[in-house]
Each structure stands twice: as structure tokens, then as C-alpha cells.
């Protein structure tokens, strides 16, 4: 009977500690989720701004190239036509090599960042 009393008192004493541990773990998971979401949002905003700036650069350089080729050929139609063909060629090359240039590097970058995040979390939990 003494052992069951000891076991019962152990559970009664440990219940607040267990509750506090679970609450702390839930808070830790919530903070990790907030960090992951905020990093993802930051990267998304950076990508959108970069794409917008890249679009502006492409437009202005296309116009400048069109005027330059027009000056060389003495024809606006030829100059801007050749510029359009050049930009179409660049677009087709990017579409053909999109996996090697964009998809696979992005996937590898995401996997690397997630692994780094998990390793940091494991190191922090090991220190606790």
C-alpha cells in the first residue's frame, strides 16, 4: 500500500511539471512556425521585388537595344524586329533549360535551408 501511495503522490507532484513542460513545448513549436512563416514571407517579398526590377531592366534594355539596332540598320522595323527575335530566343532558351537553371536550384536551396533549420533546432533542444 505504501508503494501505491508513493506512486500516487509522485503523479500528483509531477502533474504541474508535466503540464508546464507541454505548454513550453507547444510555445516552442508555435515560435518555430512563426519563424518559418516570417522567413518564407521575407523570401517571397524579396523574389517579387527582384522579379519586378528584372522586368523593368528587361523593358528598358530592350528599348535601348531596339533603338541601337535601329540606328545601325537605319530602320525602326528591323531594329525592333531583331530585338524582339532576340528576346524570344532568350525566352525559349530559358523555357528549355528552366529545370536546370531555376527549378532544381530552388528545390536544393529549400531543402538545404530546411535541413539547416532542423539542425539548429536539434542543437537548441540538445542544449536544453
C-alpha atoms as a PDB file:
ATOM      1  CA  UNK A   1       0.000   0.000   0.000  1.00  0.00           C
ATOM      2  CA  UNK A   2       2.892   2.283   0.738  1.00  0.00           C
ATOM      3  CA  UNK A   3       4.235   1.926  -2.781  1.00  0.00           C
ATOM      4  CA  UNK A   4       0.905   2.914  -4.388  1.00  0.00           C
ATOM      5  CA  UNK A   5       0.776   5.945  -2.105  1.00  0.00           C
ATOM      6  CA  UNK A   6       4.279   6.891  -3.222  1.00  0.00           C
ATOM      7  CA  UNK A   7       3.332   6.379  -6.863  1.00  0.00           C
ATOM      8  CA  UNK A   8       0.139   8.393  -6.432  1.00  0.00           C
ATOM      9  CA  UNK A   9       1.965  11.226  -4.717  1.00  0.00           C
ATOM     10  CA  UNK A  10       4.615  11.144  -7.460  1.00  0.00           C
ATOM     11  CA  UNK A  11       1.951  11.624 -10.142  1.00  0.00           C
ATOM     12  CA  UNK A  12       0.270  14.385  -8.140  1.00  0.00           C
ATOM     13  CA  UNK A  13       3.580  16.203  -7.723  1.00  0.00           C
ATOM     14  CA  UNK A  14       4.604  15.660 -11.347  1.00  0.00           C
ATOM     15  CA  UNK A  15       1.319  16.753 -12.918  1.00  0.00           C
ATOM     16  CA  UNK A  16       2.056  20.523 -12.764  1.00  0.00           C
ATOM     17  CA  UNK A  17       5.568  19.941 -14.095  1.00  0.00           C
ATOM     18  CA  UNK A  18       4.229  17.846 -16.970  1.00  0.00           C
ATOM     19  CA  UNK A  19       1.612  20.489 -17.794  1.00  0.00           C
ATOM     20  CA  UNK A  20       4.295  23.208 -17.776  1.00  0.00           C
ATOM     21  CA  UNK A  21       6.553  21.071 -19.992  1.00  0.00           C
ATOM     22  CA  UNK A  22       3.774  20.503 -22.541  1.00  0.00           C
ATOM     23  CA  UNK A  23       2.873  24.218 -22.587  1.00  0.00           C
ATOM     24  CA  UNK A  24       6.526  25.133 -23.077  1.00  0.00           C
ATOM     25  CA  UNK A  25       6.878  22.636 -25.944  1.00  0.00           C
ATOM     26  CA  UNK A  26       3.744  23.976 -27.631  1.00  0.00           C
ATOM     27  CA  UNK A  27       5.065  27.522 -27.308  1.00  0.00           C
ATOM     28  CA  UNK A  28       8.376  26.417 -28.812  1.00  0.00           C
ATOM     29  CA  UNK A  29       6.608  24.824 -31.795  1.00  0.00           C
ATOM     30  CA  UNK A  30       4.489  27.950 -32.260  1.00  0.00           C
ATOM     31  CA  UNK A  31       7.574  30.182 -32.257  1.00  0.00           C
ATOM     32  CA  UNK A  32       9.352  27.900 -34.731  1.00  0.00           C
ATOM     33  CA  UNK A  33       6.324  28.046 -37.038  1.00  0.00           C
ATOM     34  CA  UNK A  34       6.246  31.838 -36.781  1.00  0.00           C
ATOM     35  CA  UNK A  35       9.948  31.995 -37.650  1.00  0.00           C
ATOM     36  CA  UNK A  36       9.499  29.700 -40.650  1.00  0.00           C
ATOM     37  CA  UNK A  37       6.480  31.646 -41.933  1.00  0.00           C
ATOM     38  CA  UNK A  38       8.207  35.005 -41.495  1.00  0.00           C
ATOM     39  CA  UNK A  39      11.334  33.800 -43.307  1.00  0.00           C
ATOM     40  CA  UNK A  40       9.217  32.432 -46.137  1.00  0.00           C
ATOM     41  CA  UNK A  41       7.275  35.692 -46.390  1.00  0.00           C
ATOM     42  CA  UNK A  42      10.523  37.659 -46.470  1.00  0.00           C
ATOM     43  CA  UNK A  43      11.910  35.492 -49.264  1.00  0.00           C
ATOM     44  CA  UNK A  44       8.648  35.779 -51.192  1.00  0.00           C
ATOM     45  CA  UNK A  45       8.663  39.575 -50.971  1.00  0.00           C
ATOM     46  CA  UNK A  46      12.332  39.672 -51.996  1.00  0.00           C
ATOM     47  CA  UNK A  47      11.612  37.438 -55.010  1.00  0.00           C
ATOM     48  CA  UNK A  48       8.633  39.574 -56.089  1.00  0.00           C
ATOM     49  CA  UNK A  49      10.620  42.810 -55.852  1.00  0.00           C
ATOM     50  CA  UNK A  50      13.547  41.232 -57.713  1.00  0.00           C
ATOM     51  CA  UNK A  51      11.265  39.974 -60.481  1.00  0.00           C
ATOM     52  CA  UNK A  52       9.663  43.402 -60.840  1.00  0.00           C
ATOM     53  CA  UNK A  53      13.070  45.075 -61.091  1.00  0.00           C
ATOM     54  CA  UNK A  54      14.202  42.428 -63.576  1.00  0.00           C
ATOM     55  CA  UNK A  55      11.107  43.152 -65.683  1.00  0.00           C
ATOM     56  CA  UNK A  56      11.915  46.869 -65.684  1.00  0.00           C
ATOM     57  CA  UNK A  57      15.516  46.163 -66.645  1.00  0.00           C
ATOM     58  CA  UNK A  58      14.385  43.896 -69.494  1.00  0.00           C
ATOM     59  CA  UNK A  59      11.942  46.509 -70.808  1.00  0.00           C
ATOM     60  CA  UNK A  60      14.410  49.393 -70.758  1.00  0.00           C
ATOM     61  CA  UNK A  61      17.298  47.358 -72.134  1.00  0.00           C
ATOM     62  CA  UNK A  62      15.003  46.007 -74.871  1.00  0.00           C
ATOM     63  CA  UNK A  63      14.003  49.529 -75.859  1.00  0.00           C
ATOM     64  CA  UNK A  64      17.623  50.705 -75.779  1.00  0.00           C
ATOM     65  CA  UNK A  65      18.753  47.685 -77.832  1.00  0.00           C
ATOM     66  CA  UNK A  66      15.912  48.279 -80.281  1.00  0.00           C
ATOM     67  CA  UNK A  67      16.932  51.906 -80.810  1.00  0.00           C
ATOM     68  CA  UNK A  68      20.603  50.952 -81.125  1.00  0.00           C
ATOM     69  CA  UNK A  69      19.939  48.255 -83.742  1.00  0.00           C
ATOM     70  CA  UNK A  70      17.519  50.665 -85.483  1.00  0.00           C
ATOM     71  CA  UNK A  71      20.318  53.220 -85.665  1.00  0.00           C
ATOM     72  CA  UNK A  72      22.669  50.591 -87.148  1.00  0.00           C
ATOM     73  CA  UNK A  73      20.137  49.324 -89.720  1.00  0.00           C
ATOM     74  CA  UNK A  74      18.511  52.743 -90.351  1.00  0.00           C
ATOM     75  CA  UNK A  75      15.102  51.103 -89.872  1.00  0.00           C
ATOM     76  CA  UNK A  76      12.932  51.040 -86.774  1.00  0.00           C
ATOM     77  CA  UNK A  77      11.125  47.946 -88.045  1.00  0.00           C
ATOM     78  CA  UNK A  78      14.342  45.960 -88.485  1.00  0.00           C
ATOM     79  CA  UNK A  79      15.854  47.199 -85.229  1.00  0.00           C
ATOM     80  CA  UNK A  80      12.886  46.419 -83.031  1.00  0.00           C
ATOM     81  CA  UNK A  81      12.093  43.256 -85.028  1.00  0.00           C
ATOM     82  CA  UNK A  82      15.602  41.892 -84.414  1.00  0.00           C
ATOM     83  CA  UNK A  83      15.358  42.894 -80.750  1.00  0.00           C
ATOM     84  CA  UNK A  84      12.047  41.058 -80.474  1.00  0.00           C
ATOM     85  CA  UNK A  85      13.542  37.958 -82.097  1.00  0.00           C
ATOM     86  CA  UNK A  86      16.490  38.112 -79.709  1.00  0.00           C
ATOM     87  CA  UNK A  87      14.191  38.397 -76.679  1.00  0.00           C
ATOM     88  CA  UNK A  88      12.045  35.497 -77.972  1.00  0.00           C
ATOM     89  CA  UNK A  89      15.218  33.404 -78.374  1.00  0.00           C
ATOM     90  CA  UNK A  90      16.252  34.215 -74.789  1.00  0.00           C
ATOM     91  CA  UNK A  91      12.764  33.310 -73.546  1.00  0.00           C
ATOM     92  CA  UNK A  92      12.787  29.991 -75.447  1.00  0.00           C
ATOM     93  CA  UNK A  93      16.241  29.127 -74.069  1.00  0.00           C
ATOM     94  CA  UNK A  94      15.087  29.931 -70.538  1.00  0.00           C
ATOM     95  CA  UNK A  95      11.971  27.785 -71.048  1.00  0.00           C
ATOM     96  CA  UNK A  96      14.016  24.856 -72.369  1.00  0.00           C
ATOM     97  CA  UNK A  97      16.586  24.997 -69.573  1.00  0.00           C
ATOM     98  CA  UNK A  98      14.173  26.036 -66.778  1.00  0.00           C
ATOM     99  CA  UNK A  99      14.695  22.835 -64.778  1.00  0.00           C
ATOM    100  CA  UNK A 100      18.476  23.117 -64.752  1.00  0.00           C
ATOM    101  CA  UNK A 101      18.518  26.901 -64.234  1.00  0.00           C
ATOM    102  CA  UNK A 102      15.598  27.534 -61.896  1.00  0.00           C
ATOM    103  CA  UNK A 103      13.632  24.534 -60.605  1.00  0.00           C
ATOM    104  CA  UNK A 104      16.433  22.288 -59.341  1.00  0.00           C
ATOM    105  CA  UNK A 105      18.486  25.074 -57.715  1.00  0.00           C
ATOM    106  CA  UNK A 106      15.392  26.396 -55.925  1.00  0.00           C
ATOM    107  CA  UNK A 107      14.474  22.918 -54.707  1.00  0.00           C
ATOM    108  CA  UNK A 108      18.032  22.319 -53.485  1.00  0.00           C
ATOM    109  CA  UNK A 109      18.057  25.698 -51.743  1.00  0.00           C
ATOM    110  CA  UNK A 110      14.765  24.973 -49.965  1.00  0.00           C
ATOM    111  CA  UNK A 111      15.960  21.520 -48.857  1.00  0.00           C
ATOM    112  CA  UNK A 112      19.261  22.970 -47.618  1.00  0.00           C
ATOM    113  CA  UNK A 113      17.513  25.731 -45.635  1.00  0.00           C
ATOM    114  CA  UNK A 114      15.048  23.301 -44.064  1.00  0.00           C
ATOM    115  CA  UNK A 115      17.889  20.955 -43.078  1.00  0.00           C
ATOM    116  CA  UNK A 116      19.823  23.863 -41.568  1.00  0.00           C
ATOM    117  CA  UNK A 117      16.719  24.913 -39.660  1.00  0.00           C
ATOM    118  CA  UNK A 118      16.185  21.389 -38.287  1.00  0.00           C
ATOM    119  CA  UNK A 119      19.858  21.098 -37.323  1.00  0.00           C
ATOM    120  CA  UNK A 120      19.685  24.399 -35.433  1.00  0.00           C
ATOM    121  CA  UNK A 121      16.510  23.271 -33.678  1.00  0.00           C
ATOM    122  CA  UNK A 122      18.147  19.977 -32.690  1.00  0.00           C
ATOM    123  CA  UNK A 123      21.189  21.819 -31.346  1.00  0.00           C
ATOM    124  CA  UNK A 124      18.958  24.118 -29.305  1.00  0.00           C
ATOM    125  CA  UNK A 125      16.947  21.206 -27.928  1.00  0.00           C
ATOM    126  CA  UNK A 126      20.178  19.351 -27.056  1.00  0.00           C
ATOM    127  CA  UNK A 127      21.325  22.363 -25.041  1.00  0.00           C
ATOM    128  CA  UNK A 128      18.079  22.408 -23.047  1.00  0.00           C
END
